[in-house]
Amino acid sequence: MKKFFVILLAAVLCLGAIACSAPAAAKDKIILGTSADYPPFEFIVLDEKGQQQYVGIDISLAQAIAEDQNKELSVMNMDFDSLMAALQKGDVDIVIAAIEETPERLEAADFSNPYYTDYPPMILVKAEKTSEYTSVESFSGKSVGAQTGTTKADLVTSDLPGANLVALTSVNDLVNQLVYDKVDAILLDGAVALQYAESNSDLVVSDVSLGDAYPYCVAVQKGDPKGLLNSINATIAKLLEANQIQAFSEAADALSDQAIE
């Protein structure tokens, strides 16, 4: 009953769950590239029939973008570090994956106006070891995990002197590495770190803070050859004005504890 309720809540708040295996039409579709291992932004749950569904803040945003363009949304799930290459090759039309605009990424893609500003990056550690980590220097000589191709991997190298970066493509794998003491800590976007800490009593967010809050944007091919950005920015402006991104966030939070690996 609880599972049915949160699925219903997600629908009411226009979460826009998309069946993982749902076929897309041959035309009039927009292909989303994402990495669905990152609650509350993009992740997979099972519906009341046991079928896999893509859900999350970014999935809901993508659905709204597609609807405003009178197109069907098709989701292509892949490792985060493959997303920009897929966008450049034209395999996907847009990338929404809690992705920030950086100078390096601007060389390969164009970005929309921001739709969400996250908490600052946070470091997850084992609960029983939290007292060991009181400063950035505490991580010297420690193994710190981060997702391959992300700004968090860069932060481990630049802001945690002496830490040893362990880069993995899957956030689920990173969390498992921490749970089973294969790494000492992992660095994640703030909202994601809070979700994993809430769902796993063995993990806590360290008091050590890093960097600033990041605004997330939608990425399109460099030069916007498909003419998507104006419509995307209009959708974002409409959703922000209606406080709909917050509604997407609340619905995603209600489902995050059902994320499957």
C-alpha atoms as a PDB file:
ATOM      1  CA  MET A   1       0.000   0.000   0.000  1.00  0.00           C
ATOM      2  CA  LYS A   2       2.848   2.395   0.837  1.00  0.00           C
ATOM      3  CA  LYS A   3       4.513   1.622  -2.458  1.00  0.00           C
ATOM      4  CA  PHE A   4       1.271   2.272  -4.350  1.00  0.00           C
ATOM      5  CA  PHE A   5       0.790   5.573  -2.525  1.00  0.00           C
ATOM      6  CA  VAL A   6       4.188   7.001  -3.399  1.00  0.00           C
ATOM      7  CA  ILE A   7       3.808   5.950  -7.020  1.00  0.00           C
ATOM      8  CA  LEU A   8       0.423   7.699  -7.069  1.00  0.00           C
ATOM      9  CA  LEU A   9       1.965  10.769  -5.441  1.00  0.00           C
ATOM     10  CA  ALA A  10       4.625  10.857  -8.102  1.00  0.00           C
ATOM     11  CA  ALA A  11       1.997  10.783 -10.822  1.00  0.00           C
ATOM     12  CA  VAL A  12      -0.038  13.582  -9.231  1.00  0.00           C
ATOM     13  CA  LEU A  13       3.079  15.756  -9.058  1.00  0.00           C
ATOM     14  CA  CYS A  14       3.831  15.058 -12.727  1.00  0.00           C
ATOM     15  CA  LEU A  15       6.940  13.065 -11.976  1.00  0.00           C
ATOM     16  CA  GLY A  16       6.709  11.620 -15.452  1.00  0.00           C
ATOM     17  CA  ALA A  17       7.857   8.068 -14.834  1.00  0.00           C
ATOM     18  CA  ILE A  18       9.056   6.476 -18.083  1.00  0.00           C
ATOM     19  CA  ALA A  19       9.105   2.720 -18.602  1.00  0.00           C
ATOM     20  CA  CYS A  20      12.672   1.522 -19.054  1.00  0.00           C
ATOM     21  CA  SER A  21      11.768  -0.679 -21.976  1.00  0.00           C
ATOM     22  CA  ALA A  22       8.992   1.411 -23.521  1.00  0.00           C
ATOM     23  CA  PRO A  23       9.465   1.707 -27.289  1.00  0.00           C
ATOM     24  CA  ALA A  24       9.653   5.226 -28.718  1.00  0.00           C
ATOM     25  CA  ALA A  25       7.999   6.339 -31.915  1.00  0.00           C
ATOM     26  CA  ALA A  26      10.205   6.505 -34.977  1.00  0.00           C
ATOM     27  CA  LYS A  27       9.622  10.263 -35.238  1.00  0.00           C
ATOM     28  CA  ASP A  28       8.452  13.164 -33.090  1.00  0.00           C
ATOM     29  CA  LYS A  29      10.536  12.073 -30.135  1.00  0.00           C
ATOM     30  CA  ILE A  30      13.241  13.637 -28.036  1.00  0.00           C
ATOM     31  CA  ILE A  31      15.988  11.353 -26.743  1.00  0.00           C
ATOM     32  CA  LEU A  32      17.238  12.000 -23.240  1.00  0.00           C
ATOM     33  CA  GLY A  33      20.693  10.869 -22.232  1.00  0.00           C
ATOM     34  CA  THR A  34      21.051  10.298 -18.492  1.00  0.00           C
ATOM     35  CA  SER A  35      22.768   8.135 -15.872  1.00  0.00           C
ATOM     36  CA  ALA A  36      19.988   6.664 -13.762  1.00  0.00           C
ATOM     37  CA  ASP A  37      21.881   5.866 -10.575  1.00  0.00           C
ATOM     38  CA  TYR A  38      21.606   9.261  -8.916  1.00  0.00           C
ATOM     39  CA  PRO A  39      18.579   9.734  -6.646  1.00  0.00           C
ATOM     40  CA  PRO A  40      16.779  12.107  -6.342  1.00  0.00           C
ATOM     41  CA  PHE A  41      17.699  13.318  -9.848  1.00  0.00           C
ATOM     42  CA  GLU A  42      17.462  10.171 -11.984  1.00  0.00           C
ATOM     43  CA  PHE A  43      16.981   6.610 -10.809  1.00  0.00           C
ATOM     44  CA  ILE A  44      14.962   3.453 -11.389  1.00  0.00           C
ATOM     45  CA  VAL A  45      12.101   2.046  -9.309  1.00  0.00           C
ATOM     46  CA  LEU A  46       9.621  -0.777  -9.754  1.00  0.00           C
ATOM     47  CA  ASP A  47       5.982   0.167 -10.233  1.00  0.00           C
ATOM     48  CA  GLU A  48       3.040  -1.758  -8.740  1.00  0.00           C
ATOM     49  CA  LYS A  49       3.307  -4.266 -11.611  1.00  0.00           C
ATOM     50  CA  GLY A  50       7.009  -4.877 -11.003  1.00  0.00           C
ATOM     51  CA  GLN A  51       8.076  -3.009 -14.150  1.00  0.00           C
ATOM     52  CA  GLN A  52      11.087  -0.736 -14.119  1.00  0.00           C
ATOM     53  CA  GLN A  53      10.431   2.999 -14.366  1.00  0.00           C
ATOM     54  CA  TYR A  54      12.774   5.950 -14.740  1.00  0.00           C
ATOM     55  CA  VAL A  55      11.877   8.620 -12.184  1.00  0.00           C
ATOM     56  CA  GLY A  56      13.423  11.662 -10.542  1.00  0.00           C
ATOM     57  CA  ILE A  57      13.711  15.423 -10.822  1.00  0.00           C
ATOM     58  CA  ASP A  58      15.577  15.296 -14.124  1.00  0.00           C
ATOM     59  CA  ILE A  59      13.225  12.733 -15.656  1.00  0.00           C
ATOM     60  CA  SER A  60      10.264  14.930 -14.775  1.00  0.00           C
ATOM     61  CA  LEU A  61      11.985  17.935 -16.325  1.00  0.00           C
ATOM     62  CA  ALA A  62      12.730  15.970 -19.492  1.00  0.00           C
ATOM     63  CA  GLN A  63       9.102  14.873 -19.717  1.00  0.00           C
ATOM     64  CA  ALA A  64       7.946  18.503 -19.419  1.00  0.00           C
ATOM     65  CA  ILE A  65      10.405  19.561 -22.131  1.00  0.00           C
ATOM     66  CA  ALA A  66       9.154  16.833 -24.456  1.00  0.00           C
ATOM     67  CA  GLU A  67       5.502  17.676 -23.810  1.00  0.00           C
ATOM     68  CA  ASP A  68       6.066  21.380 -24.505  1.00  0.00           C
ATOM     69  CA  GLN A  69       7.621  20.403 -27.853  1.00  0.00           C
ATOM     70  CA  ASN A  70       4.788  17.958 -28.622  1.00  0.00           C
ATOM     71  CA  LYS A  71       7.254  15.087 -28.669  1.00  0.00           C
ATOM     72  CA  GLU A  72       7.501  11.692 -27.018  1.00  0.00           C
ATOM     73  CA  LEU A  73      10.292  11.237 -24.491  1.00  0.00           C
ATOM     74  CA  SER A  74      12.700   8.327 -24.969  1.00  0.00           C
ATOM     75  CA  VAL A  75      15.319   7.637 -22.291  1.00  0.00           C
ATOM     76  CA  MET A  76      18.806   6.337 -23.026  1.00  0.00           C
ATOM     77  CA  ASN A  77      20.546   5.259 -19.812  1.00  0.00           C
ATOM     78  CA  MET A  78      24.357   5.065 -19.740  1.00  0.00           C
ATOM     79  CA  ASP A  79      27.437   5.745 -17.629  1.00  0.00           C
ATOM     80  CA  PHE A  80      27.815   9.424 -16.758  1.00  0.00           C
ATOM     81  CA  ASP A  81      31.197   9.731 -18.455  1.00  0.00           C
ATOM     82  CA  SER A  82      29.660   8.568 -21.768  1.00  0.00           C
ATOM     83  CA  LEU A  83      26.950  11.213 -21.881  1.00  0.00           C
ATOM     84  CA  MET A  84      28.814  14.072 -23.539  1.00  0.00           C
ATOM     85  CA  ALA A  85      30.230  11.785 -26.234  1.00  0.00           C
ATOM     86  CA  ALA A  86      26.731  10.475 -26.972  1.00  0.00           C
ATOM     87  CA  LEU A  87      25.484  14.049 -27.241  1.00  0.00           C
ATOM     88  CA  GLN A  88      28.284  15.053 -29.600  1.00  0.00           C
ATOM     89  CA  LYS A  89      27.594  12.046 -31.841  1.00  0.00           C
ATOM     90  CA  GLY A  90      23.886  12.827 -31.940  1.00  0.00           C
ATOM     91  CA  ASP A  91      22.874   9.588 -30.224  1.00  0.00           C
ATOM     92  CA  VAL A  92      20.862  11.698 -27.760  1.00  0.00           C
ATOM     93  CA  ASP A  93      19.180  15.072 -28.186  1.00  0.00           C
ATOM     94  CA  ILE A  94      19.605  16.368 -24.649  1.00  0.00           C
ATOM     95  CA  VAL A  95      21.543  15.436 -21.541  1.00  0.00           C
ATOM     96  CA  ILE A  96      19.981  15.961 -18.120  1.00  0.00           C
ATOM     97  CA  ALA A  97      21.940  14.288 -15.347  1.00  0.00           C
ATOM     98  CA  ALA A  98      22.595  16.781 -12.535  1.00  0.00           C
ATOM     99  CA  ILE A  99      25.213  18.174 -14.890  1.00  0.00           C
ATOM    100  CA  GLU A 100      26.939  21.521 -14.429  1.00  0.00           C
ATOM    101  CA  GLU A 101      28.170  23.922 -17.072  1.00  0.00           C
ATOM    102  CA  THR A 102      31.981  23.955 -16.945  1.00  0.00           C
ATOM    103  CA  PRO A 103      34.544  25.523 -19.293  1.00  0.00           C
ATOM    104  CA  GLU A 104      35.593  22.057 -20.470  1.00  0.00           C
ATOM    105  CA  ARG A 105      32.032  20.963 -21.185  1.00  0.00           C
ATOM    106  CA  LEU A 106      31.267  24.234 -22.970  1.00  0.00           C
ATOM    107  CA  GLU A 107      33.778  23.191 -25.606  1.00  0.00           C
ATOM    108  CA  ALA A 108      31.591  20.197 -26.444  1.00  0.00           C
ATOM    109  CA  ALA A 109      28.025  21.366 -25.746  1.00  0.00           C
ATOM    110  CA  ASP A 110      25.713  24.291 -25.144  1.00  0.00           C
ATOM    111  CA  PHE A 111      23.727  24.636 -21.929  1.00  0.00           C
ATOM    112  CA  SER A 112      20.320  25.882 -20.897  1.00  0.00           C
ATOM    113  CA  ASN A 113      19.552  28.291 -18.107  1.00  0.00           C
ATOM    114  CA  PRO A 114      19.875  26.629 -14.676  1.00  0.00           C
ATOM    115  CA  TYR A 115      16.864  24.706 -13.398  1.00  0.00           C
ATOM    116  CA  TYR A 116      18.153  23.547 -10.003  1.00  0.00           C
ATOM    117  CA  THR A 117      20.868  24.607  -7.581  1.00  0.00           C
ATOM    118  CA  ASP A 118      22.143  21.795  -5.397  1.00  0.00           C
ATOM    119  CA  TYR A 119      23.649  21.765  -1.946  1.00  0.00           C
ATOM    120  CA  PRO A 120      27.457  22.056  -1.928  1.00  0.00           C
ATOM    121  CA  PRO A 121      29.312  18.770  -2.524  1.00  0.00           C
ATOM    122  CA  MET A 122      29.352  16.497   0.508  1.00  0.00           C
ATOM    123  CA  ILE A 123      31.576  13.683   1.713  1.00  0.00           C
ATOM    124  CA  LEU A 124      30.009  10.416   2.865  1.00  0.00           C
ATOM    125  CA  VAL A 125      31.895   8.345   5.459  1.00  0.00           C
ATOM    126  CA  LYS A 126      31.093   5.371   7.672  1.00  0.00           C
ATOM    127  CA  ALA A 127      29.097   6.436  10.742  1.00  0.00           C
ATOM    128  CA  GLU A 128      31.484   4.750  13.156  1.00  0.00           C
ATOM    129  CA  LYS A 129      34.434   6.691  11.714  1.00  0.00           C
ATOM    130  CA  THR A 130      32.940  10.172  11.453  1.00  0.00           C
ATOM    131  CA  SER A 131      35.060  11.512  14.315  1.00  0.00           C
ATOM    132  CA  GLU A 132      38.208  10.778  12.280  1.00  0.00           C
ATOM    133  CA  TYR A 133      37.298  13.392   9.651  1.00  0.00           C
ATOM    134  CA  THR A 134      37.383  16.960  10.941  1.00  0.00           C
ATOM    135  CA  SER A 135      39.211  18.784   8.119  1.00  0.00           C
ATOM    136  CA  VAL A 136      40.284  18.327   4.516  1.00  0.00           C
ATOM    137  CA  GLU A 137      43.669  17.244   5.839  1.00  0.00           C
ATOM    138  CA  SER A 138      41.968  14.308   7.569  1.00  0.00           C
ATOM    139  CA  PHE A 139      41.594  12.655   4.168  1.00  0.00           C
ATOM    140  CA  SER A 140      45.311  12.664   3.387  1.00  0.00           C
ATOM    141  CA  GLY A 141      46.369   9.105   2.592  1.00  0.00           C
ATOM    142  CA  LYS A 142      42.737   7.981   2.454  1.00  0.00           C
ATOM    143  CA  SER A 143      40.923   6.470  -0.525  1.00  0.00           C
ATOM    144  CA  VAL A 144      38.127   8.785  -1.637  1.00  0.00           C
ATOM    145  CA  GLY A 145      35.687   7.661  -4.311  1.00  0.00           C
ATOM    146  CA  ALA A 146      33.931   9.828  -6.888  1.00  0.00           C
ATOM    147  CA  GLN A 147      32.047   9.199 -10.118  1.00  0.00           C
ATOM    148  CA  THR A 148      34.170   9.130 -13.255  1.00  0.00           C
ATOM    149  CA  GLY A 149      33.926  12.257 -15.399  1.00  0.00           C
ATOM    150  CA  THR A 150      32.320  14.449 -12.729  1.00  0.00           C
ATOM    151  CA  THR A 151      33.431  17.665 -11.061  1.00  0.00           C
ATOM    152  CA  LYS A 152      33.453  15.717  -7.812  1.00  0.00           C
ATOM    153  CA  ALA A 153      36.327  13.595  -9.105  1.00  0.00           C
ATOM    154  CA  ASP A 154      38.172  16.830  -9.871  1.00  0.00           C
ATOM    155  CA  LEU A 155      37.475  18.103  -6.345  1.00  0.00           C
ATOM    156  CA  VAL A 156      39.036  15.035  -4.746  1.00  0.00           C
ATOM    157  CA  THR A 157      42.259  15.827  -6.581  1.00  0.00           C
ATOM    158  CA  SER A 158      42.198  19.591  -6.083  1.00  0.00           C
ATOM    159  CA  ASP A 159      40.651  20.088  -2.630  1.00  0.00           C
ATOM    160  CA  LEU A 160      41.610  16.996  -0.633  1.00  0.00           C
ATOM    161  CA  PRO A 161      45.418  17.150  -0.421  1.00  0.00           C
ATOM    162  CA  GLY A 162      47.014  13.732  -0.227  1.00  0.00           C
ATOM    163  CA  ALA A 163      43.772  11.833  -0.860  1.00  0.00           C
ATOM    164  CA  ASN A 164      43.822   8.944  -3.318  1.00  0.00           C
ATOM    165  CA  LEU A 165      41.063   9.218  -5.918  1.00  0.00           C
ATOM    166  CA  VAL A 166      39.087   6.057  -6.671  1.00  0.00           C
ATOM    167  CA  ALA A 167      37.008   6.834  -9.765  1.00  0.00           C
ATOM    168  CA  LEU A 168      34.132   4.498 -10.665  1.00  0.00           C
ATOM    169  CA  THR A 169      31.417   4.902 -13.282  1.00  0.00           C
ATOM    170  CA  SER A 170      28.526   3.833 -11.018  1.00  0.00           C
ATOM    171  CA  VAL A 171      27.434   5.702  -7.900  1.00  0.00           C
ATOM    172  CA  ASN A 172      25.855   2.493  -6.617  1.00  0.00           C
ATOM    173  CA  ASP A 173      29.268   0.836  -6.861  1.00  0.00           C
ATOM    174  CA  LEU A 174      30.844   3.754  -4.997  1.00  0.00           C
ATOM    175  CA  VAL A 175      28.338   3.424  -2.162  1.00  0.00           C
ATOM    176  CA  ASN A 176      28.946  -0.317  -1.956  1.00  0.00           C
ATOM    177  CA  GLN A 177      32.694   0.277  -1.871  1.00  0.00           C
ATOM    178  CA  LEU A 178      32.180   2.555   1.125  1.00  0.00           C
ATOM    179  CA  VAL A 179      29.759   0.233   2.913  1.00  0.00           C
ATOM    180  CA  TYR A 180      32.210  -2.680   2.603  1.00  0.00           C
ATOM    181  CA  ASP A 181      35.263  -0.583   3.577  1.00  0.00           C
ATOM    182  CA  LYS A 182      36.896  -0.726   0.145  1.00  0.00           C
ATOM    183  CA  VAL A 183      37.208   3.083   0.221  1.00  0.00           C
ATOM    184  CA  ASP A 184      37.320   5.466   3.185  1.00  0.00           C
ATOM    185  CA  ALA A 185      34.912   8.058   1.823  1.00  0.00           C
ATOM    186  CA  ILE A 186      33.014   9.119  -1.281  1.00  0.00           C
ATOM    187  CA  LEU A 187      32.331  12.599  -2.623  1.00  0.00           C
ATOM    188  CA  LEU A 188      28.900  13.286  -4.120  1.00  0.00           C
ATOM    189  CA  ASP A 189      26.571  16.143  -4.987  1.00  0.00           C
ATOM    190  CA  GLY A 190      24.930  17.323  -1.786  1.00  0.00           C
ATOM    191  CA  ALA A 191      21.357  16.193  -2.423  1.00  0.00           C
ATOM    192  CA  VAL A 192      22.571  12.754  -3.513  1.00  0.00           C
ATOM    193  CA  ALA A 193      24.817  12.355  -0.468  1.00  0.00           C
ATOM    194  CA  LEU A 194      21.896  13.243   1.815  1.00  0.00           C
ATOM    195  CA  GLN A 195      19.660  10.669   0.126  1.00  0.00           C
ATOM    196  CA  TYR A 196      22.180   7.867   0.571  1.00  0.00           C
ATOM    197  CA  ALA A 197      22.827   8.844   4.201  1.00  0.00           C
ATOM    198  CA  GLU A 198      19.088   8.869   4.902  1.00  0.00           C
ATOM    199  CA  SER A 199      18.572   5.427   3.393  1.00  0.00           C
ATOM    200  CA  ASN A 200      21.649   3.792   4.971  1.00  0.00           C
ATOM    201  CA  SER A 201      22.209   4.130   8.721  1.00  0.00           C
ATOM    202  CA  ASP A 202      25.843   3.004   8.313  1.00  0.00           C
ATOM    203  CA  LEU A 203      26.683   6.190   6.397  1.00  0.00           C
ATOM    204  CA  VAL A 204      26.805   9.838   7.456  1.00  0.00           C
ATOM    205  CA  VAL A 205      27.708  13.119   5.816  1.00  0.00           C
ATOM    206  CA  SER A 206      31.037  14.423   7.081  1.00  0.00           C
ATOM    207  CA  ASP A 207      31.184  17.899   8.637  1.00  0.00           C
ATOM    208  CA  VAL A 208      33.963  18.785   6.191  1.00  0.00           C
ATOM    209  CA  SER A 209      32.572  21.060   3.472  1.00  0.00           C
ATOM    210  CA  LEU A 210      33.889  21.450  -0.062  1.00  0.00           C
ATOM    211  CA  GLY A 211      33.206  23.952  -2.819  1.00  0.00           C
ATOM    212  CA  ASP A 212      30.026  25.841  -3.603  1.00  0.00           C
ATOM    213  CA  ALA A 213      26.500  24.884  -4.545  1.00  0.00           C
ATOM    214  CA  TYR A 214      26.223  23.943  -8.218  1.00  0.00           C
ATOM    215  CA  PRO A 215      23.497  25.009 -10.648  1.00  0.00           C
ATOM    216  CA  TYR A 216      22.384  22.228 -12.986  1.00  0.00           C
ATOM    217  CA  CYS A 217      21.535  22.797 -16.651  1.00  0.00           C
ATOM    218  CA  VAL A 218      20.308  20.904 -19.710  1.00  0.00           C
ATOM    219  CA  ALA A 219      23.001  20.160 -22.304  1.00  0.00           C
ATOM    220  CA  VAL A 220      22.416  20.154 -26.075  1.00  0.00           C
ATOM    221  CA  GLN A 221      24.753  19.707 -29.019  1.00  0.00           C
ATOM    222  CA  LYS A 222      27.251  22.506 -29.585  1.00  0.00           C
ATOM    223  CA  GLY A 223      25.659  25.226 -31.693  1.00  0.00           C
ATOM    224  CA  ASP A 224      22.180  23.840 -30.927  1.00  0.00           C
ATOM    225  CA  PRO A 225      21.707  22.462 -34.467  1.00  0.00           C
ATOM    226  CA  LYS A 226      18.249  21.072 -33.608  1.00  0.00           C
ATOM    227  CA  GLY A 227      17.021  24.404 -32.260  1.00  0.00           C
ATOM    228  CA  LEU A 228      16.058  23.062 -28.852  1.00  0.00           C
ATOM    229  CA  LEU A 229      17.418  25.635 -26.410  1.00  0.00           C
ATOM    230  CA  ASN A 230      14.785  28.351 -26.709  1.00  0.00           C
ATOM    231  CA  SER A 231      11.986  25.895 -25.993  1.00  0.00           C
ATOM    232  CA  ILE A 232      13.967  24.256 -23.176  1.00  0.00           C
ATOM    233  CA  ASN A 233      14.603  27.609 -21.518  1.00  0.00           C
ATOM    234  CA  ALA A 234      10.916  28.520 -21.857  1.00  0.00           C
ATOM    235  CA  THR A 235       9.931  25.253 -20.159  1.00  0.00           C
ATOM    236  CA  ILE A 236      12.433  25.805 -17.352  1.00  0.00           C
ATOM    237  CA  ALA A 237      11.176  29.368 -16.784  1.00  0.00           C
ATOM    238  CA  LYS A 238       7.566  28.168 -16.673  1.00  0.00           C
ATOM    239  CA  LEU A 239       8.349  25.345 -14.220  1.00  0.00           C
ATOM    240  CA  LEU A 240      10.372  27.595 -11.918  1.00  0.00           C
ATOM    241  CA  GLU A 241       7.672  30.253 -11.866  1.00  0.00           C
ATOM    242  CA  ALA A 242       5.075  27.629 -10.931  1.00  0.00           C
ATOM    243  CA  ASN A 243       7.409  26.101  -8.302  1.00  0.00           C
ATOM    244  CA  GLN A 244       7.064  22.834 -10.185  1.00  0.00           C
ATOM    245  CA  ILE A 245      10.731  21.853  -9.818  1.00  0.00           C
ATOM    246  CA  GLN A 246      10.134  21.797  -6.065  1.00  0.00           C
ATOM    247  CA  ALA A 247       7.148  19.522  -6.641  1.00  0.00           C
ATOM    248  CA  PHE A 248       9.343  17.233  -8.761  1.00  0.00           C
ATOM    249  CA  SER A 249      11.874  17.192  -5.920  1.00  0.00           C
ATOM    250  CA  GLU A 250       9.282  16.277  -3.288  1.00  0.00           C
ATOM    251  CA  ALA A 251       7.922  13.465  -5.434  1.00  0.00           C
ATOM    252  CA  ALA A 252      11.421  12.145  -6.114  1.00  0.00           C
ATOM    253  CA  ASP A 253      12.259  12.215  -2.409  1.00  0.00           C
ATOM    254  CA  ALA A 254       9.178  10.075  -1.740  1.00  0.00           C
ATOM    255  CA  LEU A 255      10.493   7.425  -4.127  1.00  0.00           C
ATOM    256  CA  SER A 256      14.226   7.548  -3.428  1.00  0.00           C
ATOM    257  CA  ASP A 257      14.190   4.751  -0.869  1.00  0.00           C
ATOM    258  CA  GLN A 258      12.807   2.458  -3.597  1.00  0.00           C
ATOM    259  CA  ALA A 259      15.704   3.016  -5.994  1.00  0.00           C
ATOM    260  CA  ILE A 260      16.986  -0.263  -7.359  1.00  0.00           C
ATOM    261  CA  GLU A 261      20.614  -0.974  -8.189  1.00  0.00           C
END
